[in-house]
Structure formats: structure tokens, C-alpha cells
C-alpha atoms as a PDB file:
ATOM      1  CA  MET A   1      29.346 -30.468  10.474  1.00  0.00           C
ATOM      2  CA  PRO A   2      32.626 -30.911   8.566  1.00  0.00           C
ATOM      3  CA  SER A   3      36.073 -30.148   9.913  1.00  0.00           C
ATOM      4  CA  ILE A   4      38.394 -27.812   8.018  1.00  0.00           C
ATOM      5  CA  ALA A   5      40.289 -30.798   6.601  1.00  0.00           C
ATOM      6  CA  GLU A   6      37.073 -32.265   5.181  1.00  0.00           C
ATOM      7  CA  THR A   7      36.508 -29.129   3.065  1.00  0.00           C
ATOM      8  CA  LYS A   8      39.956 -29.285   1.476  1.00  0.00           C
ATOM      9  CA  ARG A   9      40.097 -29.555  -2.325  1.00  0.00           C
ATOM     10  CA  GLN A  10      42.704 -29.396  -5.069  1.00  0.00           C
ATOM     11  CA  MET A  11      42.683 -27.812  -8.498  1.00  0.00           C
ATOM     12  CA  ILE A  12      45.564 -28.713 -10.815  1.00  0.00           C
ATOM     13  CA  GLN A  13      46.633 -26.737 -13.883  1.00  0.00           C
ATOM     14  CA  PHE A  14      49.316 -27.354 -16.488  1.00  0.00           C
ATOM     15  CA  VAL A  15      51.013 -24.095 -17.525  1.00  0.00           C
ATOM     16  CA  PHE A  16      50.738 -23.657 -21.285  1.00  0.00           C
ATOM     17  CA  PRO A  17      52.311 -20.850 -23.370  1.00  0.00           C
ATOM     18  CA  GLU A  18      48.886 -19.188 -23.552  1.00  0.00           C
ATOM     19  CA  HIS A  19      49.070 -18.691 -19.776  1.00  0.00           C
ATOM     20  CA  ALA A  20      52.439 -16.913 -19.897  1.00  0.00           C
ATOM     21  CA  SER A  21      53.205 -13.226 -19.963  1.00  0.00           C
ATOM     22  CA  VAL A  22      56.908 -12.837 -20.800  1.00  0.00           C
ATOM     23  CA  HIS A  23      60.037 -14.997 -20.650  1.00  0.00           C
ATOM     24  CA  ASN A  24      57.833 -18.119 -20.412  1.00  0.00           C
ATOM     25  CA  ARG A  25      56.564 -17.116 -16.967  1.00  0.00           C
ATOM     26  CA  LEU A  26      53.005 -17.652 -15.798  1.00  0.00           C
ATOM     27  CA  SER A  27      51.311 -14.246 -15.672  1.00  0.00           C
ATOM     28  CA  GLY A  28      50.293 -12.914 -12.275  1.00  0.00           C
ATOM     29  CA  GLY A  29      46.802 -12.141 -13.530  1.00  0.00           C
ATOM     30  CA  ARG A  30      46.284 -15.710 -14.744  1.00  0.00           C
ATOM     31  CA  LEU A  31      47.387 -17.147 -11.401  1.00  0.00           C
ATOM     32  CA  MET A  32      45.051 -14.760  -9.587  1.00  0.00           C
ATOM     33  CA  ASP A  33      42.251 -16.002 -11.840  1.00  0.00           C
ATOM     34  CA  TRP A  34      43.033 -19.606 -10.872  1.00  0.00           C
ATOM     35  CA  ILE A  35      43.125 -18.695  -7.172  1.00  0.00           C
ATOM     36  CA  MET A  36      39.691 -17.054  -7.452  1.00  0.00           C
ATOM     37  CA  GLN A  37      38.355 -20.095  -9.343  1.00  0.00           C
ATOM     38  CA  ALA A  38      39.601 -22.575  -6.742  1.00  0.00           C
ATOM     39  CA  ALA A  39      38.192 -20.539  -3.856  1.00  0.00           C
ATOM     40  CA  THR A  40      34.878 -19.976  -5.656  1.00  0.00           C
ATOM     41  CA  ILE A  41      34.453 -23.726  -6.213  1.00  0.00           C
ATOM     42  CA  ASP A  42      35.096 -24.470  -2.545  1.00  0.00           C
ATOM     43  CA  SER A  43      32.794 -21.708  -1.300  1.00  0.00           C
ATOM     44  CA  SER A  44      29.990 -22.621  -3.728  1.00  0.00           C
ATOM     45  CA  LEU A  45      30.059 -26.291  -2.779  1.00  0.00           C
ATOM     46  CA  ILE A  46      29.993 -25.641   0.963  1.00  0.00           C
ATOM     47  CA  SER A  47      27.256 -22.984   0.684  1.00  0.00           C
ATOM     48  CA  LYS A  48      25.277 -24.961  -1.916  1.00  0.00           C
ATOM     49  CA  GLY A  49      24.868 -22.066  -4.325  1.00  0.00           C
ATOM     50  CA  ILE A  50      26.300 -18.878  -5.786  1.00  0.00           C
ATOM     51  CA  THR A  51      29.041 -16.992  -3.939  1.00  0.00           C
ATOM     52  CA  VAL A  52      30.762 -13.725  -4.771  1.00  0.00           C
ATOM     53  CA  LEU A  53      34.142 -12.465  -3.599  1.00  0.00           C
ATOM     54  CA  GLY A  54      33.930  -9.651  -1.084  1.00  0.00           C
ATOM     55  CA  ALA A  55      37.621  -9.244  -0.258  1.00  0.00           C
ATOM     56  CA  THR A  56      40.991 -10.883  -0.625  1.00  0.00           C
ATOM     57  CA  ASP A  57      44.050 -10.624   1.564  1.00  0.00           C
ATOM     58  CA  SER A  58      47.369  -9.839  -0.046  1.00  0.00           C
ATOM     59  CA  ILE A  59      48.799 -12.188  -2.667  1.00  0.00           C
ATOM     60  CA  ASP A  60      52.599 -12.298  -2.821  1.00  0.00           C
ATOM     61  CA  PHE A  61      54.302 -14.200  -5.637  1.00  0.00           C
ATOM     62  CA  LEU A  62      57.294 -15.840  -3.958  1.00  0.00           C
ATOM     63  CA  ASN A  63      58.699 -17.913  -6.825  1.00  0.00           C
ATOM     64  CA  PRO A  64      58.237 -17.742 -10.613  1.00  0.00           C
ATOM     65  CA  VAL A  65      56.151 -20.399 -12.356  1.00  0.00           C
ATOM     66  CA  MET A  66      57.375 -21.410 -15.798  1.00  0.00           C
ATOM     67  CA  VAL A  67      55.653 -22.798 -18.882  1.00  0.00           C
ATOM     68  CA  GLY A  68      55.634 -26.600 -18.661  1.00  0.00           C
ATOM     69  CA  GLU A  69      55.303 -26.675 -14.892  1.00  0.00           C
ATOM     70  CA  ILE A  70      52.298 -27.978 -12.969  1.00  0.00           C
ATOM     71  CA  VAL A  71      50.397 -25.717 -10.586  1.00  0.00           C
ATOM     72  CA  THR A  72      48.502 -27.210  -7.638  1.00  0.00           C
ATOM     73  CA  LEU A  73      46.006 -24.992  -5.831  1.00  0.00           C
ATOM     74  CA  GLU A  74      44.823 -26.244  -2.432  1.00  0.00           C
ATOM     75  CA  SER A  75      41.755 -24.567  -0.958  1.00  0.00           C
ATOM     76  CA  TRP A  76      39.794 -25.075   2.247  1.00  0.00           C
ATOM     77  CA  VAL A  77      37.055 -23.384   4.272  1.00  0.00           C
ATOM     78  CA  GLU A  78      38.388 -21.728   7.423  1.00  0.00           C
ATOM     79  CA  TYR A  79      35.296 -20.058   8.903  1.00  0.00           C
ATOM     80  CA  ILE A  80      31.582 -19.729   8.121  1.00  0.00           C
ATOM     81  CA  GLY A  81      29.353 -16.894   9.321  1.00  0.00           C
ATOM     82  CA  SER A  82      25.679 -16.322   8.683  1.00  0.00           C
ATOM     83  CA  SER A  83      26.087 -15.561   4.964  1.00  0.00           C
ATOM     84  CA  SER A  84      29.855 -15.210   4.491  1.00  0.00           C
ATOM     85  CA  MET A  85      32.876 -17.444   4.757  1.00  0.00           C
ATOM     86  CA  GLU A  86      36.666 -17.332   4.774  1.00  0.00           C
ATOM     87  CA  ILE A  87      38.590 -19.491   2.292  1.00  0.00           C
ATOM     88  CA  GLY A  88      42.305 -20.282   2.442  1.00  0.00           C
ATOM     89  CA  VAL A  89      44.264 -21.008  -0.736  1.00  0.00           C
ATOM     90  CA  LYS A  90      47.847 -22.200  -1.094  1.00  0.00           C
ATOM     91  CA  VAL A  91      49.605 -22.575  -4.447  1.00  0.00           C
ATOM     92  CA  TYR A  92      52.561 -24.786  -5.347  1.00  0.00           C
ATOM     93  CA  SER A  93      54.396 -25.228  -8.626  1.00  0.00           C
ATOM     94  CA  GLU A  94      56.144 -28.439  -9.651  1.00  0.00           C
ATOM     95  CA  ASN A  95      58.705 -29.198 -12.310  1.00  0.00           C
ATOM     96  CA  PRO A  96      57.525 -32.517 -13.847  1.00  0.00           C
ATOM     97  CA  GLU A  97      61.056 -33.441 -14.957  1.00  0.00           C
ATOM     98  CA  THR A  98      62.763 -33.049 -11.580  1.00  0.00           C
ATOM     99  CA  GLY A  99      59.796 -33.299  -9.228  1.00  0.00           C
ATOM    100  CA  ASP A 100      60.977 -30.124  -7.466  1.00  0.00           C
ATOM    101  CA  GLN A 101      58.091 -28.334  -5.751  1.00  0.00           C
ATOM    102  CA  LYS A 102      58.002 -24.659  -4.739  1.00  0.00           C
ATOM    103  CA  LEU A 103      55.568 -22.589  -2.708  1.00  0.00           C
ATOM    104  CA  THR A 104      54.225 -19.920  -5.038  1.00  0.00           C
ATOM    105  CA  THR A 105      51.789 -18.002  -2.867  1.00  0.00           C
ATOM    106  CA  SER A 106      49.252 -18.215  -0.059  1.00  0.00           C
ATOM    107  CA  SER A 107      46.158 -16.114   0.515  1.00  0.00           C
ATOM    108  CA  HIS A 108      42.826 -15.820   2.304  1.00  0.00           C
ATOM    109  CA  LEU A 109      39.597 -14.760   0.600  1.00  0.00           C
ATOM    110  CA  ALA A 110      36.201 -13.696   1.931  1.00  0.00           C
ATOM    111  CA  PHE A 111      33.085 -14.824   0.033  1.00  0.00           C
ATOM    112  CA  VAL A 112      29.424 -13.939   0.428  1.00  0.00           C
ATOM    113  CA  ALA A 113      26.658 -16.400  -0.467  1.00  0.00           C
ATOM    114  CA  VAL A 114      24.045 -14.677  -2.656  1.00  0.00           C
ATOM    115  CA  ASP A 115      20.777 -15.516  -4.375  1.00  0.00           C
ATOM    116  CA  LYS A 116      20.121 -15.069  -8.095  1.00  0.00           C
ATOM    117  CA  ASN A 117      19.424 -11.362  -7.518  1.00  0.00           C
ATOM    118  CA  GLY A 118      22.749 -10.839  -5.769  1.00  0.00           C
ATOM    119  CA  LYS A 119      21.263 -10.512  -2.269  1.00  0.00           C
ATOM    120  CA  PRO A 120      23.014 -12.246   0.679  1.00  0.00           C
ATOM    121  CA  ARG A 121      21.513 -15.586   1.680  1.00  0.00           C
ATOM    122  CA  LYS A 122      21.971 -17.749   4.763  1.00  0.00           C
ATOM    123  CA  ILE A 123      24.528 -20.568   4.821  1.00  0.00           C
ATOM    124  CA  ALA A 124      23.215 -23.653   6.595  1.00  0.00           C
ATOM    125  CA  GLU A 125      26.553 -25.480   6.815  1.00  0.00           C
ATOM    126  CA  LYS A 126      29.011 -24.744   9.632  1.00  0.00           C
ATOM    127  CA  ILE A 127      32.627 -25.660  10.354  1.00  0.00           C
ATOM    128  CA  THR A 128      33.778 -27.594  13.429  1.00  0.00           C
ATOM    129  CA  PRO A 129      37.549 -27.504  14.065  1.00  0.00           C
ATOM    130  CA  SER A 130      38.761 -31.052  14.790  1.00  0.00           C
ATOM    131  CA  ASN A 131      41.986 -30.228  16.657  1.00  0.00           C
ATOM    132  CA  SER A 132      44.076 -27.401  18.095  1.00  0.00           C
ATOM    133  CA  GLU A 133      45.680 -26.655  14.724  1.00  0.00           C
ATOM    134  CA  GLU A 134      42.305 -26.238  13.047  1.00  0.00           C
ATOM    135  CA  MET A 135      41.041 -24.166  15.983  1.00  0.00           C
ATOM    136  CA  ALA A 136      43.956 -21.753  15.465  1.00  0.00           C
ATOM    137  CA  ILE A 137      43.092 -21.452  11.767  1.00  0.00           C
ATOM    138  CA  TYR A 138      39.410 -20.947  12.624  1.00  0.00           C
ATOM    139  CA  THR A 139      40.198 -18.271  15.221  1.00  0.00           C
ATOM    140  CA  GLU A 140      42.465 -16.332  12.865  1.00  0.00           C
ATOM    141  CA  ALA A 141      39.860 -16.497  10.096  1.00  0.00           C
ATOM    142  CA  LYS A 142      37.157 -15.140  12.411  1.00  0.00           C
ATOM    143  CA  LYS A 143      39.520 -12.353  13.465  1.00  0.00           C
ATOM    144  CA  ARG A 144      40.059 -11.389   9.808  1.00  0.00           C
ATOM    145  CA  LYS A 145      36.310 -11.396   9.256  1.00  0.00           C
ATOM    146  CA  ASP A 146      35.735  -9.096  12.232  1.00  0.00           C
ATOM    147  CA  GLU A 147      38.484  -6.730  11.053  1.00  0.00           C
ATOM    148  CA  ARG A 148      36.830  -6.492   7.629  1.00  0.00           C
ATOM    149  CA  LEU A 149      33.530  -5.308   9.116  1.00  0.00           C
ATOM    150  CA  ALA A 150      34.739  -1.701   9.183  1.00  0.00           C
ATOM    151  CA  GLN A 151      35.349  -1.843   5.430  1.00  0.00           C
ATOM    152  CA  VAL A 152      32.033  -3.599   4.803  1.00  0.00           C
ATOM    153  CA  ALA A 153      30.227  -0.781   6.633  1.00  0.00           C
ATOM    154  CA  LYS A 154      31.746   1.706   4.164  1.00  0.00           C
ATOM    155  CA  ARG A 155      30.785  -0.351   1.095  1.00  0.00           C
ATOM    156  CA  ASP A 156      27.916   1.853  -0.135  1.00  0.00           C
ATOM    157  CA  ASN A 157      29.909   5.058   0.343  1.00  0.00           C
ATOM    158  CA  GLN A 158      32.950   3.561  -1.349  1.00  0.00           C
ATOM    159  CA  ALA A 159      30.839   2.340  -4.268  1.00  0.00           C
ATOM    160  CA  ARG A 160      29.830   5.953  -4.890  1.00  0.00           C
ATOM    161  CA  ASN A 161      33.430   7.185  -4.672  1.00  0.00           C
ATOM    162  CA  VAL A 162      34.251   7.544  -8.364  1.00  0.00           C
ATOM    163  CA  ILE A 163      36.952  10.210  -7.910  1.00  0.00           C
ATOM    164  CA  ASP A 164      40.281   8.849  -9.124  1.00  0.00           C
ATOM    165  CA  GLU A 165      43.466   9.806  -7.269  1.00  0.00           C
ATOM    166  CA  THR A 166      45.734   8.319  -9.952  1.00  0.00           C
ATOM    167  CA  GLU A 167      44.804  11.165 -12.314  1.00  0.00           C
ATOM    168  CA  ILE A 168      46.946  13.522 -10.216  1.00  0.00           C
ATOM    169  CA  VAL A 169      50.192  11.645 -10.914  1.00  0.00           C
ATOM    170  CA  ARG A 170      52.282  12.224 -14.023  1.00  0.00           C
ATOM    171  CA  GLU A 171      52.617   8.549 -14.981  1.00  0.00           C
ATOM    172  CA  HIS A 172      49.089   7.279 -15.503  1.00  0.00           C
ATOM    173  CA  LEU A 173      46.994   5.184 -17.893  1.00  0.00           C
ATOM    174  CA  GLU A 174      43.285   4.747 -18.574  1.00  0.00           C
ATOM    175  CA  THR A 175      41.696   1.846 -20.466  1.00  0.00           C
ATOM    176  CA  THR A 176      38.136   0.584 -20.917  1.00  0.00           C
ATOM    177  CA  LYS A 177      36.318  -2.612 -21.875  1.00  0.00           C
ATOM    178  CA  VAL A 178      32.758  -3.888 -22.076  1.00  0.00           C
ATOM    179  CA  VAL A 179      31.679  -6.942 -20.067  1.00  0.00           C
ATOM    180  CA  LEU A 180      30.673  -9.818 -22.355  1.00  0.00           C
ATOM    181  CA  PRO A 181      28.999 -13.155 -21.522  1.00  0.00           C
ATOM    182  CA  GLU A 182      32.399 -14.857 -21.715  1.00  0.00           C
ATOM    183  CA  ASP A 183      33.516 -12.702 -18.741  1.00  0.00           C
ATOM    184  CA  THR A 184      30.808 -14.027 -16.409  1.00  0.00           C
ATOM    185  CA  PHE A 185      30.630 -17.063 -14.144  1.00  0.00           C
ATOM    186  CA  HIS A 186      26.934 -17.192 -13.188  1.00  0.00           C
ATOM    187  CA  GLY A 187      23.937 -15.257 -14.431  1.00  0.00           C
ATOM    188  CA  ASP A 188      25.100 -11.778 -15.380  1.00  0.00           C
ATOM    189  CA  PHE A 189      27.822 -11.363 -12.716  1.00  0.00           C
ATOM    190  CA  MET A 190      31.368 -10.791 -13.963  1.00  0.00           C
ATOM    191  CA  ALA A 191      33.844 -13.426 -12.773  1.00  0.00           C
ATOM    192  CA  VAL A 192      36.246 -11.789 -10.350  1.00  0.00           C
ATOM    193  CA  GLY A 193      39.146 -13.844 -11.728  1.00  0.00           C
ATOM    194  CA  LYS A 194      38.574 -12.313 -15.164  1.00  0.00           C
ATOM    195  CA  LEU A 195      38.530  -8.876 -13.550  1.00  0.00           C
ATOM    196  CA  MET A 196      41.840  -9.588 -11.802  1.00  0.00           C
ATOM    197  CA  MET A 197      43.433 -10.537 -15.136  1.00  0.00           C
ATOM    198  CA  ASP A 198      42.244  -7.222 -16.590  1.00  0.00           C
ATOM    199  CA  ILE A 199      43.569  -5.289 -13.572  1.00  0.00           C
ATOM    200  CA  ASP A 200      46.952  -6.996 -13.772  1.00  0.00           C
ATOM    201  CA  GLN A 201      47.196  -6.385 -17.512  1.00  0.00           C
ATOM    202  CA  ALA A 202      46.342  -2.667 -17.302  1.00  0.00           C
ATOM    203  CA  ALA A 203      48.750  -2.114 -14.419  1.00  0.00           C
ATOM    204  CA  SER A 204      51.566  -4.051 -16.107  1.00  0.00           C
ATOM    205  CA  ILE A 205      51.169  -2.067 -19.350  1.00  0.00           C
ATOM    206  CA  LEU A 206      51.733   1.160 -17.420  1.00  0.00           C
ATOM    207  CA  ALA A 207      54.712  -0.363 -15.608  1.00  0.00           C
ATOM    208  CA  MET A 208      56.323  -1.646 -18.820  1.00  0.00           C
ATOM    209  CA  ARG A 209      55.818   1.657 -20.617  1.00  0.00           C
ATOM    210  CA  PHE A 210      57.570   3.455 -17.780  1.00  0.00           C
ATOM    211  CA  VAL A 211      60.633   1.183 -17.613  1.00  0.00           C
ATOM    212  CA  LYS A 212      60.628   0.278 -21.327  1.00  0.00           C
ATOM    213  CA  GLY A 213      61.262  -3.314 -20.322  1.00  0.00           C
ATOM    214  CA  VAL A 214      59.795  -6.496 -18.885  1.00  0.00           C
ATOM    215  CA  MET A 215      57.897  -6.262 -15.589  1.00  0.00           C
ATOM    216  CA  ILE A 216      56.478  -9.177 -13.625  1.00  0.00           C
ATOM    217  CA  THR A 217      53.828  -8.996 -10.916  1.00  0.00           C
ATOM    218  CA  GLY A 218      55.315  -9.204  -7.434  1.00  0.00           C
ATOM    219  CA  SER A 219      52.261  -8.784  -5.245  1.00  0.00           C
ATOM    220  CA  LEU A 220      48.682  -7.652  -4.841  1.00  0.00           C
ATOM    221  CA  ASP A 221      47.768  -5.890  -1.592  1.00  0.00           C
ATOM    222  CA  ASP A 222      44.563  -6.434   0.394  1.00  0.00           C
ATOM    223  CA  LEU A 223      41.593  -5.784  -1.876  1.00  0.00           C
ATOM    224  CA  TYR A 224      37.914  -5.014  -1.164  1.00  0.00           C
ATOM    225  CA  PHE A 225      35.081  -5.185  -3.681  1.00  0.00           C
ATOM    226  CA  TYR A 226      32.383  -2.549  -3.237  1.00  0.00           C
ATOM    227  CA  SER A 227      30.056  -3.037  -6.199  1.00  0.00           C
ATOM    228  CA  PRO A 228      29.383  -5.956  -8.576  1.00  0.00           C
ATOM    229  CA  ILE A 229      29.933  -5.739 -12.331  1.00  0.00           C
ATOM    230  CA  ARG A 230      27.369  -7.172 -14.763  1.00  0.00           C
ATOM    231  CA  ILE A 231      27.089  -8.085 -18.433  1.00  0.00           C
ATOM    232  CA  GLY A 232      26.902  -4.994 -20.602  1.00  0.00           C
ATOM    233  CA  ASP A 233      28.648  -2.721 -18.116  1.00  0.00           C
ATOM    234  CA  ILE A 234      31.585  -0.655 -19.302  1.00  0.00           C
ATOM    235  CA  ILE A 235      34.638  -0.962 -17.068  1.00  0.00           C
ATOM    236  CA  THR A 236      37.203   1.816 -16.775  1.00  0.00           C
ATOM    237  CA  PHE A 237      40.654   1.076 -15.358  1.00  0.00           C
ATOM    238  CA  LYS A 238      42.490   4.167 -14.093  1.00  0.00           C
ATOM    239  CA  ALA A 239      46.084   3.344 -13.189  1.00  0.00           C
ATOM    240  CA  GLY A 240      48.908   5.500 -11.857  1.00  0.00           C
ATOM    241  CA  ILE A 241      52.454   4.877 -10.622  1.00  0.00           C
ATOM    242  CA  THR A 242      52.534   5.662  -6.916  1.00  0.00           C
ATOM    243  CA  TYR A 243      56.089   4.605  -6.010  1.00  0.00           C
ATOM    244  CA  VAL A 244      59.366   3.752  -7.777  1.00  0.00           C
ATOM    245  CA  GLY A 245      62.220   1.879  -6.097  1.00  0.00           C
ATOM    246  CA  GLN A 246      65.528   0.514  -7.381  1.00  0.00           C
ATOM    247  CA  SER A 247      64.217  -2.456  -9.378  1.00  0.00           C
ATOM    248  CA  SER A 248      60.498  -2.359  -8.600  1.00  0.00           C
ATOM    249  CA  LEU A 249      57.557  -0.006  -8.576  1.00  0.00           C
ATOM    250  CA  GLU A 250      53.964   0.176  -7.355  1.00  0.00           C
ATOM    251  CA  VAL A 251      50.872   0.845  -9.436  1.00  0.00           C
ATOM    252  CA  GLY A 252      47.538   1.913  -7.981  1.00  0.00           C
ATOM    253  CA  ILE A 253      44.505   1.174 -10.129  1.00  0.00           C
ATOM    254  CA  LYS A 254      40.911   2.227  -9.591  1.00  0.00           C
ATOM    255  CA  VAL A 255      38.162   0.201 -11.264  1.00  0.00           C
ATOM    256  CA  LEU A 256      34.863   1.866 -12.181  1.00  0.00           C
ATOM    257  CA  SER A 257      31.837   0.208 -13.756  1.00  0.00           C
ATOM    258  CA  GLU A 258      29.194   2.072 -15.736  1.00  0.00           C
ATOM    259  CA  ASN A 259      25.632   1.061 -16.503  1.00  0.00           C
ATOM    260  CA  VAL A 260      25.249   2.170 -20.111  1.00  0.00           C
ATOM    261  CA  LEU A 261      21.449   2.408 -19.793  1.00  0.00           C
ATOM    262  CA  THR A 262      21.462   4.811 -16.842  1.00  0.00           C
ATOM    263  CA  GLY A 263      24.949   6.318 -17.066  1.00  0.00           C
ATOM    264  CA  GLU A 264      25.514   5.542 -13.377  1.00  0.00           C
ATOM    265  CA  GLN A 265      29.127   4.892 -12.408  1.00  0.00           C
ATOM    266  CA  ARG A 266      30.127   2.706  -9.454  1.00  0.00           C
ATOM    267  CA  HIS A 267      33.479   2.150  -7.760  1.00  0.00           C
ATOM    268  CA  THR A 268      34.220  -1.584  -7.855  1.00  0.00           C
ATOM    269  CA  CYS A 269      37.633  -1.681  -6.202  1.00  0.00           C
ATOM    270  CA  THR A 270      41.019  -0.014  -5.888  1.00  0.00           C
ATOM    271  CA  ALA A 271      44.057  -2.294  -6.160  1.00  0.00           C
ATOM    272  CA  PHE A 272      47.740  -1.757  -5.440  1.00  0.00           C
ATOM    273  CA  LEU A 273      50.177  -4.025  -7.262  1.00  0.00           C
ATOM    274  CA  SER A 274      53.966  -4.186  -7.152  1.00  0.00           C
ATOM    275  CA  PHE A 275      56.037  -5.067 -10.222  1.00  0.00           C
ATOM    276  CA  VAL A 276      59.675  -6.122 -10.604  1.00  0.00           C
ATOM    277  CA  HIS A 277      61.901  -5.281 -13.589  1.00  0.00           C
ATOM    278  CA  ILE A 278      63.649  -8.436 -14.833  1.00  0.00           C
ATOM    279  CA  ALA A 279      66.102  -9.528 -17.512  1.00  0.00           C
ATOM    280  CA  GLU A 280      65.635 -12.603 -19.688  1.00  0.00           C
ATOM    281  CA  ASP A 281      67.734 -14.704 -17.288  1.00  0.00           C
ATOM    282  CA  GLY A 282      65.428 -13.775 -14.406  1.00  0.00           C
ATOM    283  CA  THR A 283      67.773 -11.350 -12.660  1.00  0.00           C
ATOM    284  CA  THR A 284      66.449  -7.986 -11.541  1.00  0.00           C
ATOM    285  CA  LYS A 285      67.266  -4.806 -13.422  1.00  0.00           C
ATOM    286  CA  PRO A 286      67.177  -1.187 -12.227  1.00  0.00           C
ATOM    287  CA  VAL A 287      64.212   0.987 -13.141  1.00  0.00           C
ATOM    288  CA  PRO A 288      64.419   4.641 -14.248  1.00  0.00           C
ATOM    289  CA  GLU A 289      64.647   7.189 -11.462  1.00  0.00           C
ATOM    290  CA  PHE A 290      61.469   8.988 -10.553  1.00  0.00           C
ATOM    291  CA  ASP A 291      60.899  11.474  -7.742  1.00  0.00           C
ATOM    292  CA  PRO A 292      57.516  12.740  -6.551  1.00  0.00           C
ATOM    293  CA  GLU A 293      57.113  16.464  -7.205  1.00  0.00           C
ATOM    294  CA  THR A 294      53.597  17.635  -6.388  1.00  0.00           C
ATOM    295  CA  PRO A 295      52.037  17.474  -2.891  1.00  0.00           C
ATOM    296  CA  GLU A 296      49.614  14.824  -4.189  1.00  0.00           C
ATOM    297  CA  GLU A 297      52.410  12.660  -5.598  1.00  0.00           C
ATOM    298  CA  LYS A 298      54.343  12.961  -2.337  1.00  0.00           C
ATOM    299  CA  ARG A 299      51.285  11.957  -0.316  1.00  0.00           C
ATOM    300  CA  LEU A 300      50.701   8.865  -2.473  1.00  0.00           C
ATOM    301  CA  TRP A 301      54.438   8.080  -2.293  1.00  0.00           C
ATOM    302  CA  ARG A 302      54.407   8.130   1.523  1.00  0.00           C
ATOM    303  CA  ARG A 303      51.473   5.737   1.631  1.00  0.00           C
ATOM    304  CA  ALA A 304      53.186   3.464  -0.896  1.00  0.00           C
ATOM    305  CA  LEU A 305      56.331   3.377   1.257  1.00  0.00           C
ATOM    306  CA  GLU A 306      54.230   2.220   4.204  1.00  0.00           C
ATOM    307  CA  ARG A 307      52.760  -0.558   2.057  1.00  0.00           C
ATOM    308  CA  LYS A 308      56.249  -1.504   0.821  1.00  0.00           C
ATOM    309  CA  ASP A 309      57.566  -1.915   4.374  1.00  0.00           C
ATOM    310  CA  PHE A 310      54.513  -3.901   5.408  1.00  0.00           C
ATOM    311  CA  ARG A 311      54.821  -6.026   2.255  1.00  0.00           C
ATOM    312  CA  SER A 312      58.401  -7.004   3.113  1.00  0.00           C
ATOM    313  CA  GLU A 313      57.391  -8.192   6.582  1.00  0.00           C
ATOM    314  CA  ARG A 314      54.388  -9.987   5.126  1.00  0.00           C
ATOM    315  CA  VAL A 315      56.500 -11.967   2.658  1.00  0.00           C
ATOM    316  CA  LYS A 316      58.825 -13.075   5.459  1.00  0.00           C
ATOM    317  CA  GLY A 317      55.788 -14.375   7.346  1.00  0.00           C
ATOM    318  CA  VAL A 318      54.421 -16.277   4.348  1.00  0.00           C
ATOM    319  CA  LYS A 319      57.780 -17.946   3.696  1.00  0.00           C
ATOM    320  CA  SER A 320      58.195 -19.020   7.323  1.00  0.00           C
ATOM    321  CA  ASN A 321      54.597 -20.072   7.960  1.00  0.00           C
ATOM    322  CA  ASP A 322      53.630 -22.975   5.700  1.00  0.00           C
ATOM    323  CA  GLU A 323      50.376 -23.571   7.550  1.00  0.00           C
ATOM    324  CA  TYR A 324      47.891 -26.323   6.806  1.00  0.00           C
END
């Protein structure tokens, strides 16, 4: 049985202009795609087969990554259950001219091993922590897994929850797309990294329309996936602004998939992303004022404020805890 260190792998990417959003910065959606790819590779190798993402902890973008820089993604297996596992991913960027390296983000992702029909399958491999440091990582990963069980138990009910709360806010956006073979990673399953790029793009369009300026992704909060998306499905992204601060705002986005043959709609996930308004030199700029008016807007605003406070504490923890 391998130790955590023996499962560690690296994926290295050079940031080209095609990976950028604005001002030569790597787009948040693209980096999320790379994170999902790195974690999927690690989980597939250790489980010897297909894995799908069930949930991801928050992803906070601590430092910008520029075109021409090198991105290193380190991933490792932290815990293995009967058919699921926890994967840790840490991302660094490096300026090849100066050699300066910066921590970009750190996250934990939960994967489920599945067969070709998408049903959970057993994982034969197990992890054996080799020292006290690895045991701490293992224990924390198991704790996260146990805490997710409550959400997993609601998966079927959540998948049927196609009501969209963002429709009750004044600033909202709806877009659709069809899932093509190029969007998949195995069989007819949509690659979750591709989905994250679509989520980030839809949310950022709404944010930029509101401020009439450049917005960059600041964070993605904890995210659970309730229903898979397959080739031929139509995806609907329903986004709404849930909070506006001085130079940042939050967008909530609900993702629905539709089987065009049956007309059945399923709730895939609901994501909350924060965006920051920036100038060309990278400094922050104020955003237009916006106050919640209706009871529904005020309720969503209160919840967003709670997430904002938690997000601030979370970022402090990530910056001070450069584990493993």
C-alpha cells in the first residue's frame, strides 16, 4: 500500500495567450480545468479506471498568473474509501525569467470511481500514512469525507431541484450550450473541467456587464455535483448577482442539464464565485453601487455576506498553511 508521498504527481503547463482572459492573465476557468485534470489523472491511476468528481472544496486565487509564466500543479491522494477518494492539489506559478515562484491556490477534491455505466465501483488500493505529517493529512481528508456524507444523502433530491433562485434577482443572465464529444473525457461523460470553464465564463459575463469593466475570478466556494452531464445534453446556466461590495461582487450560478430525448431536466450543481474589478495595471477599481430591494434579494445578500466573511478567513488559512 503506497504512502501519500508515493501518490504525488506533477502536471506542468506553459501559459499561452489562448489561456488568458484579460490583461494577459490566466483565466480562472482555465486554471480550474487544469486542477480538475491533474486530480482526475491522479485518481484514475490510483483507482485503475474511470473516476468522476463528486465535490470540490473552495478554490481561492491568491496571486495572478500571467501569460508566459509556468504553472506547476502538484496532486496527491489523501484518503481512499470503498469507492471514493480525496485528492489534494496545490498550484504554483513561476516566472521563467526571474525564477520567482508564487502560490496560486490550494484545494481538495472528492472523486468517485465508476464503471462504464457510471455506477460506483470498489477501489482495491489503499493509502498508508508513512509519518505523523501524512497521518494528519489523512485524518483531515477522512473528516472532510464524513462531513460530505450529509450532502451525498441529498444528491437525488438536489438533482431534481430545478427551481432557480437567481431568477428572482434583478441582475441575472441565462445561457445555454449543447454537450459535444470534444467536451467529454471518457465515454459520454462531460469533463468537469470543461464545465467549470463554462461556469466561470457565464458568471464573468454577468459580472462584466454589471460593472462595464474587467473582472477577474477571485474564488469558487465549495461545490457539489448532483447529476452527471452526457453528450447531447443541453446545459442551461442561470446566473444572478447575489452580493456587491466595494471592488468585488458575488455571482451565484445554477447549472441544469436536459435530456433532449425525454425532456427531463436535472440539477447538476450550484456554484458561487467571487469576482474582482481591476484596472490594466492590476489595481482594484470600485464597482457600481447596488442595494438589495426585494425580500428575496435581501435573503440572498445575507447568505452571500456569510460566505464573504468565511472566504476571508479561509484565504488567511491557505496563505499561512503551505502543507505538503
